[in-house]
Amino acid sequence: MLDHAALDTLFRQARTQNGYLDVAVSDAQLEAVYELTKWGPTSANCSPMRIHFVRTPEGRARLLPLVLESNRAKISAAPVTALIAYDLKFYELLPRLFPHADARSWFAGNDALIESTAFRNSSLQGAYFMLAARACDLDCGPMSGFDPVALNAEFFKDTSLVINFICTLGKGDPAKVFPRSPRLEFAEACTLL
């Protein structure tokens, strides 16, 4: 089992960030986060998540009008905002990613299965991404307050990518973190069968 310090970093002391310090995030840090993220399991190793890292003033200017006003300050302050998307053509890579069976044929032509599998597994990968970021000494601010139709048109037009959620990254500003909210207890959230 991981030691208490590691568990604190990944879970117990980790917080959703609402503001960031003026500390840059390097390409090497983003690559390190992805290198950890990619090992998280997905069904049939489908790996549908795709990430666009918004880090330039021009990229932020394109993104800010598409998010709720309450999220704009967070995105403006963050060194990086990750657009966590999923690829509806993920199954085309299954011959390489899952060579154990003809998994591509499970999906080809089945739009409902493609959509549900891509969304579910990119959500899993998004969670792995946040844990990997925390493990790489970055803080995260996941959010879903945005216009998905407009965001897809602005960033993913003429592609097979669809936005899932947004996640800011950087060194969080402790002064901007809300007080810890309660969580459900085991007996409230779990059933033993």
N, C-alpha and C. Protein backbone atom coordinates (compact mmCIF):
# COMPACT_ATOMS: atom_id res chain seq x y z
N MET A 1 0.84 -1.18 0.00
CA MET A 1 0.00 0.00 0.00
C MET A 1 0.88 1.24 0.00
N LEU A 2 0.41 2.30 -0.68
CA LEU A 2 1.13 3.56 -0.67
C LEU A 2 1.20 4.11 0.74
N ASP A 3 2.24 4.89 1.01
CA ASP A 3 2.35 5.49 2.35
C ASP A 3 1.34 6.63 2.49
N HIS A 4 1.19 7.11 3.71
CA HIS A 4 0.20 8.14 4.01
C HIS A 4 0.45 9.43 3.23
N ALA A 5 1.71 9.79 3.03
CA ALA A 5 2.02 11.03 2.31
C ALA A 5 1.53 10.93 0.86
N ALA A 6 1.74 9.77 0.24
CA ALA A 6 1.27 9.59 -1.15
C ALA A 6 -0.25 9.60 -1.22
N LEU A 7 -0.91 8.94 -0.27
CA LEU A 7 -2.37 8.94 -0.25
C LEU A 7 -2.93 10.33 0.00
N ASP A 8 -2.26 11.11 0.84
CA ASP A 8 -2.67 12.49 1.06
C ASP A 8 -2.56 13.30 -0.24
N THR A 9 -1.45 13.12 -0.96
CA THR A 9 -1.23 13.85 -2.21
C THR A 9 -2.28 13.51 -3.24
N LEU A 10 -2.59 12.24 -3.37
CA LEU A 10 -3.53 11.80 -4.40
C LEU A 10 -4.99 12.02 -4.03
N PHE A 11 -5.33 11.88 -2.74
CA PHE A 11 -6.73 11.88 -2.33
C PHE A 11 -7.06 12.81 -1.17
N ARG A 12 -6.53 12.52 0.00
CA ARG A 12 -7.04 13.13 1.23
C ARG A 12 -6.80 14.64 1.33
N GLN A 13 -5.66 15.11 0.87
CA GLN A 13 -5.35 16.54 0.95
C GLN A 13 -5.53 17.25 -0.40
N ALA A 14 -5.77 16.50 -1.46
CA ALA A 14 -5.95 17.09 -2.79
C ALA A 14 -7.28 17.83 -2.83
N ARG A 15 -7.28 18.97 -3.47
CA ARG A 15 -8.46 19.82 -3.51
C ARG A 15 -8.72 20.31 -4.93
N THR A 16 -9.97 20.59 -5.22
CA THR A 16 -10.31 21.24 -6.48
C THR A 16 -9.86 22.69 -6.39
N GLN A 17 -9.09 23.12 -7.37
CA GLN A 17 -8.51 24.45 -7.34
C GLN A 17 -9.43 25.49 -7.99
N ASN A 18 -9.47 26.65 -7.37
CA ASN A 18 -10.25 27.77 -7.89
C ASN A 18 -9.37 28.95 -8.29
N GLY A 19 -8.08 28.82 -8.08
CA GLY A 19 -7.12 29.85 -8.45
C GLY A 19 -5.73 29.26 -8.48
N TYR A 20 -4.82 29.94 -9.15
CA TYR A 20 -3.48 29.40 -9.34
C TYR A 20 -2.41 30.45 -9.07
N LEU A 21 -1.26 29.97 -8.64
CA LEU A 21 -0.10 30.82 -8.48
C LEU A 21 0.55 31.03 -9.85
N ASP A 22 1.34 32.05 -9.98
CA ASP A 22 1.99 32.36 -11.25
C ASP A 22 3.25 31.49 -11.41
N VAL A 23 3.02 30.21 -11.64
CA VAL A 23 4.09 29.23 -11.80
C VAL A 23 3.82 28.47 -13.09
N ALA A 24 4.78 28.48 -13.99
CA ALA A 24 4.60 27.85 -15.30
C ALA A 24 4.53 26.33 -15.18
N VAL A 25 3.86 25.72 -16.15
CA VAL A 25 3.82 24.25 -16.31
C VAL A 25 4.55 23.94 -17.62
N SER A 26 5.55 23.10 -17.54
CA SER A 26 6.39 22.83 -18.71
C SER A 26 5.80 21.72 -19.58
N ASP A 27 6.28 21.66 -20.81
CA ASP A 27 5.92 20.56 -21.70
C ASP A 27 6.30 19.23 -21.07
N ALA A 28 7.47 19.19 -20.43
CA ALA A 28 7.93 17.95 -19.80
C ALA A 28 6.97 17.50 -18.70
N GLN A 29 6.43 18.44 -17.94
CA GLN A 29 5.45 18.07 -16.91
C GLN A 29 4.18 17.50 -17.54
N LEU A 30 3.70 18.12 -18.60
CA LEU A 30 2.49 17.61 -19.27
C LEU A 30 2.73 16.23 -19.85
N GLU A 31 3.90 16.03 -20.42
CA GLU A 31 4.24 14.70 -20.95
C GLU A 31 4.32 13.67 -19.83
N ALA A 32 4.89 14.05 -18.69
CA ALA A 32 4.98 13.13 -17.55
C ALA A 32 3.59 12.75 -17.05
N VAL A 33 2.68 13.72 -17.02
CA VAL A 33 1.31 13.43 -16.60
C VAL A 33 0.68 12.43 -17.57
N TYR A 34 0.83 12.66 -18.87
CA TYR A 34 0.24 11.73 -19.83
C TYR A 34 0.88 10.35 -19.74
N GLU A 35 2.19 10.30 -19.56
CA GLU A 35 2.88 9.01 -19.49
C GLU A 35 2.36 8.15 -18.34
N LEU A 36 1.92 8.76 -17.24
CA LEU A 36 1.29 8.01 -16.16
C LEU A 36 -0.16 7.68 -16.51
N THR A 37 -0.86 8.66 -17.04
CA THR A 37 -2.29 8.51 -17.36
C THR A 37 -2.53 7.33 -18.28
N LYS A 38 -1.70 7.16 -19.28
CA LYS A 38 -1.96 6.17 -20.33
C LYS A 38 -2.01 4.73 -19.81
N TRP A 39 -1.47 4.50 -18.62
CA TRP A 39 -1.45 3.14 -18.07
C TRP A 39 -2.75 2.76 -17.36
N GLY A 40 -3.63 3.71 -17.13
CA GLY A 40 -4.91 3.39 -16.48
C GLY A 40 -5.76 2.52 -17.38
N PRO A 41 -6.44 1.53 -16.82
CA PRO A 41 -7.21 0.58 -17.65
C PRO A 41 -8.47 1.20 -18.24
N THR A 42 -8.76 0.76 -19.46
CA THR A 42 -10.02 1.06 -20.14
C THR A 42 -10.53 -0.23 -20.74
N SER A 43 -11.82 -0.29 -21.05
CA SER A 43 -12.37 -1.53 -21.61
C SER A 43 -11.74 -1.80 -22.96
N ALA A 44 -11.27 -3.02 -23.14
CA ALA A 44 -10.58 -3.46 -24.36
C ALA A 44 -9.43 -2.51 -24.73
N ASN A 45 -8.86 -1.87 -23.73
CA ASN A 45 -7.75 -0.94 -23.93
C ASN A 45 -8.10 0.12 -24.99
N CYS A 46 -9.37 0.53 -25.02
CA CYS A 46 -9.84 1.40 -26.11
C CYS A 46 -9.25 2.80 -26.08
N SER A 47 -8.88 3.30 -24.92
CA SER A 47 -8.15 4.57 -24.78
C SER A 47 -8.70 5.69 -25.65
N PRO A 48 -9.97 6.09 -25.45
CA PRO A 48 -10.56 7.10 -26.33
C PRO A 48 -10.24 8.55 -25.97
N MET A 49 -9.64 8.80 -24.80
CA MET A 49 -9.39 10.17 -24.39
C MET A 49 -8.36 10.84 -25.29
N ARG A 50 -8.65 12.10 -25.63
CA ARG A 50 -7.70 12.95 -26.33
C ARG A 50 -7.67 14.27 -25.56
N ILE A 51 -6.50 14.87 -25.44
CA ILE A 51 -6.32 16.07 -24.63
C ILE A 51 -5.78 17.20 -25.50
N HIS A 52 -6.43 18.33 -25.44
CA HIS A 52 -5.90 19.57 -26.01
C HIS A 52 -5.50 20.45 -24.83
N PHE A 53 -4.22 20.81 -24.76
CA PHE A 53 -3.73 21.66 -23.69
C PHE A 53 -3.78 23.12 -24.16
N VAL A 54 -4.63 23.90 -23.54
CA VAL A 54 -4.75 25.32 -23.87
C VAL A 54 -3.82 26.08 -22.94
N ARG A 55 -2.82 26.75 -23.51
CA ARG A 55 -1.83 27.43 -22.67
C ARG A 55 -1.41 28.79 -23.19
N THR A 56 -1.82 29.16 -24.38
CA THR A 56 -1.43 30.44 -24.93
C THR A 56 -2.53 31.48 -24.70
N PRO A 57 -2.19 32.76 -24.73
CA PRO A 57 -3.23 33.79 -24.63
C PRO A 57 -4.28 33.65 -25.74
N GLU A 58 -3.85 33.27 -26.93
CA GLU A 58 -4.79 33.09 -28.04
C GLU A 58 -5.75 31.93 -27.77
N GLY A 59 -5.23 30.84 -27.22
CA GLY A 59 -6.07 29.70 -26.89
C GLY A 59 -7.08 30.04 -25.80
N ARG A 60 -6.62 30.76 -24.77
CA ARG A 60 -7.53 31.19 -23.70
C ARG A 60 -8.62 32.12 -24.25
N ALA A 61 -8.23 33.02 -25.16
CA ALA A 61 -9.21 33.94 -25.75
C ALA A 61 -10.30 33.19 -26.50
N ARG A 62 -9.96 32.07 -27.11
CA ARG A 62 -10.95 31.24 -27.80
C ARG A 62 -11.83 30.49 -26.80
N LEU A 63 -11.25 30.08 -25.67
CA LEU A 63 -11.96 29.25 -24.71
C LEU A 63 -12.87 30.06 -23.78
N LEU A 64 -12.40 31.19 -23.31
CA LEU A 64 -13.13 31.92 -22.27
C LEU A 64 -14.58 32.25 -22.60
N PRO A 65 -14.93 32.65 -23.83
CA PRO A 65 -16.34 32.94 -24.11
C PRO A 65 -17.25 31.70 -24.06
N LEU A 66 -16.65 30.52 -24.04
CA LEU A 66 -17.42 29.27 -24.11
C LEU A 66 -17.71 28.67 -22.74
N VAL A 67 -17.16 29.26 -21.68
CA VAL A 67 -17.35 28.72 -20.33
C VAL A 67 -18.24 29.65 -19.53
N LEU A 68 -18.85 29.12 -18.47
CA LEU A 68 -19.65 29.95 -17.58
C LEU A 68 -18.79 31.08 -17.02
N GLU A 69 -19.41 32.20 -16.79
CA GLU A 69 -18.66 33.35 -16.27
C GLU A 69 -17.95 33.01 -14.97
N SER A 70 -18.56 32.16 -14.14
CA SER A 70 -17.95 31.79 -12.85
C SER A 70 -16.67 30.97 -13.02
N ASN A 71 -16.44 30.40 -14.20
CA ASN A 71 -15.23 29.62 -14.46
C ASN A 71 -14.13 30.41 -15.16
N ARG A 72 -14.44 31.61 -15.63
CA ARG A 72 -13.48 32.36 -16.45
C ARG A 72 -12.24 32.78 -15.67
N ALA A 73 -12.41 33.21 -14.43
CA ALA A 73 -11.24 33.63 -13.64
C ALA A 73 -10.31 32.45 -13.38
N LYS A 74 -10.87 31.27 -13.14
CA LYS A 74 -10.05 30.08 -12.89
C LYS A 74 -9.21 29.75 -14.13
N ILE A 75 -9.87 29.79 -15.29
CA ILE A 75 -9.16 29.46 -16.53
C ILE A 75 -8.14 30.53 -16.85
N SER A 76 -8.48 31.79 -16.61
CA SER A 76 -7.53 32.89 -16.87
C SER A 76 -6.29 32.77 -16.00
N ALA A 77 -6.45 32.32 -14.75
CA ALA A 77 -5.32 32.21 -13.82
C ALA A 77 -4.49 30.95 -14.03
N ALA A 78 -5.09 29.92 -14.59
CA ALA A 78 -4.39 28.63 -14.73
C ALA A 78 -3.34 28.69 -15.83
N PRO A 79 -2.15 28.15 -15.57
CA PRO A 79 -1.15 28.08 -16.63
C PRO A 79 -1.58 27.21 -17.81
N VAL A 80 -2.40 26.18 -17.51
CA VAL A 80 -2.85 25.24 -18.54
C VAL A 80 -4.30 24.87 -18.26
N THR A 81 -5.08 24.77 -19.31
CA THR A 81 -6.41 24.18 -19.21
C THR A 81 -6.46 23.02 -20.18
N ALA A 82 -6.74 21.84 -19.65
CA ALA A 82 -6.83 20.63 -20.48
C ALA A 82 -8.27 20.44 -20.93
N LEU A 83 -8.46 20.34 -22.23
CA LEU A 83 -9.76 19.97 -22.78
C LEU A 83 -9.75 18.45 -22.90
N ILE A 84 -10.48 17.79 -22.03
CA ILE A 84 -10.53 16.33 -22.02
C ILE A 84 -11.66 15.92 -22.95
N ALA A 85 -11.27 15.35 -24.07
CA ALA A 85 -12.23 14.96 -25.11
C ALA A 85 -12.18 13.46 -25.32
N TYR A 86 -13.13 12.98 -26.12
CA TYR A 86 -13.08 11.57 -26.54
C TYR A 86 -13.20 11.50 -28.04
N ASP A 87 -12.57 10.47 -28.59
CA ASP A 87 -12.53 10.27 -30.03
C ASP A 87 -13.57 9.22 -30.42
N LEU A 88 -14.54 9.63 -31.22
CA LEU A 88 -15.57 8.69 -31.67
C LEU A 88 -15.03 7.68 -32.69
N LYS A 89 -13.81 7.86 -33.13
CA LYS A 89 -13.17 6.89 -34.03
C LYS A 89 -12.12 6.06 -33.29
N PHE A 90 -12.22 6.01 -31.95
CA PHE A 90 -11.24 5.27 -31.15
C PHE A 90 -11.11 3.83 -31.62
N TYR A 91 -12.20 3.24 -32.08
CA TYR A 91 -12.20 1.82 -32.44
C TYR A 91 -11.30 1.51 -33.63
N GLU A 92 -10.95 2.53 -34.42
CA GLU A 92 -10.05 2.30 -35.56
C GLU A 92 -8.64 1.92 -35.09
N LEU A 93 -8.30 2.25 -33.85
CA LEU A 93 -6.98 1.90 -33.31
C LEU A 93 -6.98 0.58 -32.55
N LEU A 94 -8.14 -0.06 -32.42
CA LEU A 94 -8.20 -1.30 -31.64
C LEU A 94 -7.36 -2.45 -32.22
N PRO A 95 -7.19 -2.56 -33.53
CA PRO A 95 -6.30 -3.63 -34.00
C PRO A 95 -4.89 -3.52 -33.41
N ARG A 96 -4.43 -2.30 -33.14
CA ARG A 96 -3.12 -2.11 -32.52
C ARG A 96 -3.21 -2.17 -31.00
N LEU A 97 -4.25 -1.54 -30.42
CA LEU A 97 -4.34 -1.44 -28.96
C LEU A 97 -4.89 -2.70 -28.29
N PHE A 98 -5.69 -3.47 -29.01
CA PHE A 98 -6.28 -4.69 -28.45
C PHE A 98 -6.19 -5.79 -29.51
N PRO A 99 -4.98 -6.31 -29.75
CA PRO A 99 -4.79 -7.29 -30.82
C PRO A 99 -5.29 -8.69 -30.50
N HIS A 100 -5.88 -8.88 -29.32
CA HIS A 100 -6.30 -10.21 -28.87
C HIS A 100 -7.56 -10.70 -29.56
N ALA A 101 -8.31 -9.77 -30.16
CA ALA A 101 -9.57 -10.13 -30.82
C ALA A 101 -9.87 -9.06 -31.86
N ASP A 102 -10.87 -9.33 -32.68
CA ASP A 102 -11.30 -8.34 -33.67
C ASP A 102 -12.25 -7.35 -33.00
N ALA A 103 -11.70 -6.56 -32.08
CA ALA A 103 -12.52 -5.64 -31.29
C ALA A 103 -13.09 -4.50 -32.13
N ARG A 104 -12.43 -4.15 -33.22
CA ARG A 104 -12.95 -3.09 -34.08
C ARG A 104 -14.35 -3.44 -34.56
N SER A 105 -14.58 -4.70 -34.87
CA SER A 105 -15.88 -5.12 -35.40
C SER A 105 -17.00 -5.01 -34.35
N TRP A 106 -16.65 -4.97 -33.08
CA TRP A 106 -17.66 -4.81 -32.04
C TRP A 106 -18.33 -3.44 -32.13
N PHE A 107 -17.57 -2.47 -32.65
CA PHE A 107 -18.03 -1.07 -32.63
C PHE A 107 -18.45 -0.53 -33.99
N ALA A 108 -17.79 -0.95 -35.05
CA ALA A 108 -18.03 -0.37 -36.37
C ALA A 108 -19.52 -0.43 -36.70
N GLY A 109 -20.11 0.76 -36.98
CA GLY A 109 -21.51 0.84 -37.34
C GLY A 109 -22.47 0.89 -36.18
N ASN A 110 -21.99 0.79 -34.94
CA ASN A 110 -22.86 0.82 -33.76
C ASN A 110 -22.64 2.13 -33.00
N ASP A 111 -23.29 3.19 -33.48
CA ASP A 111 -23.05 4.52 -32.93
C ASP A 111 -23.35 4.62 -31.44
N ALA A 112 -24.40 3.97 -30.98
CA ALA A 112 -24.75 4.05 -29.56
C ALA A 112 -23.64 3.42 -28.69
N LEU A 113 -23.12 2.29 -29.12
CA LEU A 113 -22.04 1.63 -28.38
C LEU A 113 -20.76 2.46 -28.45
N ILE A 114 -20.47 3.04 -29.59
CA ILE A 114 -19.29 3.89 -29.74
C ILE A 114 -19.38 5.06 -28.76
N GLU A 115 -20.51 5.76 -28.75
CA GLU A 115 -20.68 6.95 -27.90
C GLU A 115 -20.57 6.58 -26.42
N SER A 116 -21.29 5.55 -26.00
CA SER A 116 -21.27 5.21 -24.57
C SER A 116 -19.90 4.71 -24.13
N THR A 117 -19.24 3.94 -24.97
CA THR A 117 -17.91 3.43 -24.62
C THR A 117 -16.89 4.56 -24.58
N ALA A 118 -16.95 5.44 -25.56
CA ALA A 118 -15.99 6.56 -25.61
C ALA A 118 -16.19 7.48 -24.42
N PHE A 119 -17.44 7.82 -24.11
CA PHE A 119 -17.70 8.72 -22.98
C PHE A 119 -17.29 8.08 -21.66
N ARG A 120 -17.71 6.84 -21.43
CA ARG A 120 -17.40 6.17 -20.17
C ARG A 120 -15.89 6.04 -19.96
N ASN A 121 -15.20 5.57 -20.98
CA ASN A 121 -13.78 5.31 -20.82
C ASN A 121 -12.93 6.58 -20.82
N SER A 122 -13.37 7.61 -21.55
CA SER A 122 -12.64 8.89 -21.46
C SER A 122 -12.85 9.53 -20.09
N SER A 123 -14.01 9.27 -19.47
CA SER A 123 -14.23 9.76 -18.10
C SER A 123 -13.28 9.06 -17.13
N LEU A 124 -13.13 7.75 -17.30
CA LEU A 124 -12.14 7.02 -16.49
C LEU A 124 -10.75 7.60 -16.71
N GLN A 125 -10.39 7.81 -17.97
CA GLN A 125 -9.07 8.33 -18.26
C GLN A 125 -8.89 9.74 -17.72
N GLY A 126 -9.96 10.53 -17.72
CA GLY A 126 -9.88 11.87 -17.14
C GLY A 126 -9.58 11.82 -15.65
N ALA A 127 -10.16 10.84 -14.96
CA ALA A 127 -9.86 10.67 -13.54
C ALA A 127 -8.41 10.23 -13.35
N TYR A 128 -7.95 9.31 -14.18
CA TYR A 128 -6.53 8.92 -14.11
C TYR A 128 -5.64 10.13 -14.35
N PHE A 129 -6.04 10.97 -15.30
CA PHE A 129 -5.28 12.17 -15.64
C PHE A 129 -5.12 13.07 -14.42
N MET A 130 -6.19 13.28 -13.66
CA MET A 130 -6.10 14.13 -12.48
C MET A 130 -5.22 13.51 -11.40
N LEU A 131 -5.32 12.20 -11.21
CA LEU A 131 -4.44 11.54 -10.24
C LEU A 131 -2.98 11.63 -10.69
N ALA A 132 -2.75 11.46 -11.98
CA ALA A 132 -1.38 11.57 -12.51
C ALA A 132 -0.85 12.98 -12.32
N ALA A 133 -1.69 13.98 -12.56
CA ALA A 133 -1.26 15.37 -12.36
C ALA A 133 -0.88 15.60 -10.91
N ARG A 134 -1.69 15.11 -9.99
CA ARG A 134 -1.37 15.26 -8.57
C ARG A 134 -0.08 14.54 -8.23
N ALA A 135 0.14 13.37 -8.81
CA ALA A 135 1.37 12.61 -8.57
C ALA A 135 2.58 13.35 -9.12
N CYS A 136 2.37 14.21 -10.12
CA CYS A 136 3.45 15.00 -10.73
C CYS A 136 3.52 16.41 -10.15
N ASP A 137 2.95 16.59 -8.96
CA ASP A 137 3.02 17.84 -8.22
C ASP A 137 2.29 19.00 -8.89
N LEU A 138 1.19 18.69 -9.56
CA LEU A 138 0.31 19.71 -10.12
C LEU A 138 -1.04 19.63 -9.44
N ASP A 139 -1.72 20.74 -9.38
CA ASP A 139 -3.08 20.80 -8.84
C ASP A 139 -4.06 20.87 -9.99
N CYS A 140 -5.31 20.48 -9.72
CA CYS A 140 -6.34 20.36 -10.76
C CYS A 140 -7.60 21.10 -10.38
N GLY A 141 -8.31 21.55 -11.39
CA GLY A 141 -9.61 22.16 -11.21
C GLY A 141 -10.57 21.66 -12.27
N PRO A 142 -11.15 20.46 -12.09
CA PRO A 142 -12.09 19.94 -13.09
C PRO A 142 -13.37 20.76 -13.10
N MET A 143 -13.95 20.91 -14.29
CA MET A 143 -15.20 21.66 -14.39
C MET A 143 -16.00 21.20 -15.60
N SER A 144 -17.30 21.39 -15.48
CA SER A 144 -18.19 21.07 -16.59
C SER A 144 -19.08 22.25 -16.97
N GLY A 145 -18.78 23.43 -16.50
CA GLY A 145 -19.58 24.61 -16.80
C GLY A 145 -19.14 25.27 -18.08
N PHE A 146 -19.59 24.74 -19.21
CA PHE A 146 -19.22 25.28 -20.52
C PHE A 146 -20.30 24.89 -21.52
N ASP A 147 -20.25 25.51 -22.69
CA ASP A 147 -21.18 25.22 -23.77
C ASP A 147 -20.54 24.15 -24.66
N PRO A 148 -20.96 22.89 -24.54
CA PRO A 148 -20.28 21.82 -25.28
C PRO A 148 -20.41 21.95 -26.80
N VAL A 149 -21.56 22.42 -27.27
CA VAL A 149 -21.74 22.56 -28.72
C VAL A 149 -20.77 23.61 -29.27
N ALA A 150 -20.71 24.74 -28.59
CA ALA A 150 -19.81 25.81 -29.03
C ALA A 150 -18.35 25.40 -28.88
N LEU A 151 -18.01 24.72 -27.79
CA LEU A 151 -16.63 24.29 -27.59
C LEU A 151 -16.21 23.29 -28.67
N ASN A 152 -17.08 22.33 -28.96
CA ASN A 152 -16.76 21.37 -30.03
C ASN A 152 -16.56 22.08 -31.36
N ALA A 153 -17.41 23.06 -31.66
CA ALA A 153 -17.29 23.79 -32.92
C ALA A 153 -15.99 24.60 -32.97
N GLU A 154 -15.60 25.18 -31.84
CA GLU A 154 -14.40 26.02 -31.81
C GLU A 154 -13.11 25.22 -31.85
N PHE A 155 -13.05 24.11 -31.11
CA PHE A 155 -11.79 23.38 -30.97
C PHE A 155 -11.73 22.05 -31.74
N PHE A 156 -12.87 21.46 -32.03
CA PHE A 156 -12.86 20.11 -32.62
C PHE A 156 -13.63 20.02 -33.94
N LYS A 157 -13.87 21.16 -34.57
CA LYS A 157 -14.61 21.17 -35.84
C LYS A 157 -13.93 20.28 -36.86
N ASP A 158 -14.74 19.53 -37.58
CA ASP A 158 -14.26 18.62 -38.64
C ASP A 158 -13.32 17.54 -38.12
N THR A 159 -13.51 17.15 -36.85
CA THR A 159 -12.76 16.02 -36.29
C THR A 159 -13.77 15.05 -35.70
N SER A 160 -13.28 13.94 -35.21
CA SER A 160 -14.14 12.96 -34.54
C SER A 160 -14.09 13.12 -33.02
N LEU A 161 -13.59 14.26 -32.55
CA LEU A 161 -13.46 14.51 -31.12
C LEU A 161 -14.68 15.22 -30.57
N VAL A 162 -15.03 14.88 -29.30
CA VAL A 162 -16.15 15.47 -28.59
C VAL A 162 -15.66 15.80 -27.18
N ILE A 163 -15.98 17.00 -26.69
CA ILE A 163 -15.55 17.39 -25.34
C ILE A 163 -16.26 16.55 -24.28
N ASN A 164 -15.52 16.18 -23.25
CA ASN A 164 -16.08 15.52 -22.07
C ASN A 164 -16.12 16.53 -20.93
N PHE A 165 -14.95 17.01 -20.49
CA PHE A 165 -14.89 18.03 -19.45
C PHE A 165 -13.60 18.82 -19.58
N ILE A 166 -13.48 19.87 -18.77
CA ILE A 166 -12.32 20.75 -18.76
C ILE A 166 -11.62 20.58 -17.42
N CYS A 167 -10.29 20.69 -17.43
CA CYS A 167 -9.53 20.59 -16.18
C CYS A 167 -8.36 21.57 -16.21
N THR A 168 -8.38 22.54 -15.30
CA THR A 168 -7.25 23.45 -15.19
C THR A 168 -6.11 22.75 -14.45
N LEU A 169 -4.88 23.18 -14.74
CA LEU A 169 -3.68 22.59 -14.14
C LEU A 169 -2.70 23.68 -13.74
N GLY A 170 -1.98 23.45 -12.68
CA GLY A 170 -0.93 24.36 -12.25
C GLY A 170 -0.66 24.17 -10.77
N LYS A 171 0.01 25.15 -10.18
CA LYS A 171 0.22 25.16 -8.73
C LYS A 171 -0.91 25.99 -8.13
N GLY A 172 -1.77 25.31 -7.39
CA GLY A 172 -2.94 25.96 -6.83
C GLY A 172 -2.61 27.03 -5.81
N ASP A 173 -3.49 28.03 -5.75
CA ASP A 173 -3.37 29.09 -4.77
C ASP A 173 -4.19 28.67 -3.54
N PRO A 174 -3.52 28.34 -2.42
CA PRO A 174 -4.25 27.86 -1.24
C PRO A 174 -5.30 28.86 -0.73
N ALA A 175 -5.11 30.13 -0.99
CA ALA A 175 -6.07 31.14 -0.52
C ALA A 175 -7.39 31.09 -1.29
N LYS A 176 -7.41 30.41 -2.43
CA LYS A 176 -8.62 30.38 -3.26
C LYS A 176 -9.40 29.07 -3.13
N VAL A 177 -8.95 28.16 -2.27
CA VAL A 177 -9.62 26.87 -2.11
C VAL A 177 -10.79 27.02 -1.14
N PHE A 178 -11.93 26.46 -1.50
CA PHE A 178 -13.09 26.48 -0.61
C PHE A 178 -12.85 25.56 0.58
N PRO A 179 -13.56 25.76 1.69
CA PRO A 179 -13.47 24.80 2.80
C PRO A 179 -13.87 23.40 2.31
N ARG A 180 -13.29 22.40 2.91
CA ARG A 180 -13.56 21.01 2.51
C ARG A 180 -15.03 20.69 2.66
N SER A 181 -15.63 20.16 1.62
CA SER A 181 -17.03 19.75 1.66
C SER A 181 -17.13 18.32 2.18
N PRO A 182 -18.27 17.95 2.77
CA PRO A 182 -18.40 16.59 3.30
C PRO A 182 -18.48 15.56 2.19
N ARG A 183 -18.23 14.33 2.54
CA ARG A 183 -18.34 13.20 1.63
C ARG A 183 -19.29 12.18 2.25
N LEU A 184 -19.87 11.33 1.43
CA LEU A 184 -20.74 10.26 1.91
C LEU A 184 -19.92 9.22 2.66
N GLU A 185 -20.49 8.65 3.70
CA GLU A 185 -19.86 7.57 4.43
C GLU A 185 -20.06 6.26 3.66
N PHE A 186 -19.25 5.26 4.01
CA PHE A 186 -19.30 3.96 3.34
C PHE A 186 -20.73 3.41 3.29
N ALA A 187 -21.43 3.42 4.41
CA ALA A 187 -22.77 2.82 4.49
C ALA A 187 -23.78 3.59 3.64
N GLU A 188 -23.52 4.86 3.34
CA GLU A 188 -24.42 5.65 2.52
C GLU A 188 -24.22 5.40 1.03
N ALA A 189 -23.00 5.06 0.65
CA ALA A 189 -22.65 4.95 -0.77
C ALA A 189 -22.43 3.52 -1.26
N CYS A 190 -22.28 2.59 -0.33
CA CYS A 190 -21.89 1.23 -0.72
C CYS A 190 -22.87 0.20 -0.21
N THR A 191 -23.02 -0.88 -0.97
CA THR A 191 -23.85 -2.01 -0.58
C THR A 191 -23.01 -3.28 -0.74
N LEU A 192 -23.00 -4.08 0.29
CA LEU A 192 -22.30 -5.38 0.24
C LEU A 192 -23.33 -6.45 -0.09
N LEU A 193 -23.13 -7.14 -1.18
CA LEU A 193 -24.07 -8.18 -1.62
C LEU A 193 -23.49 -9.58 -1.42
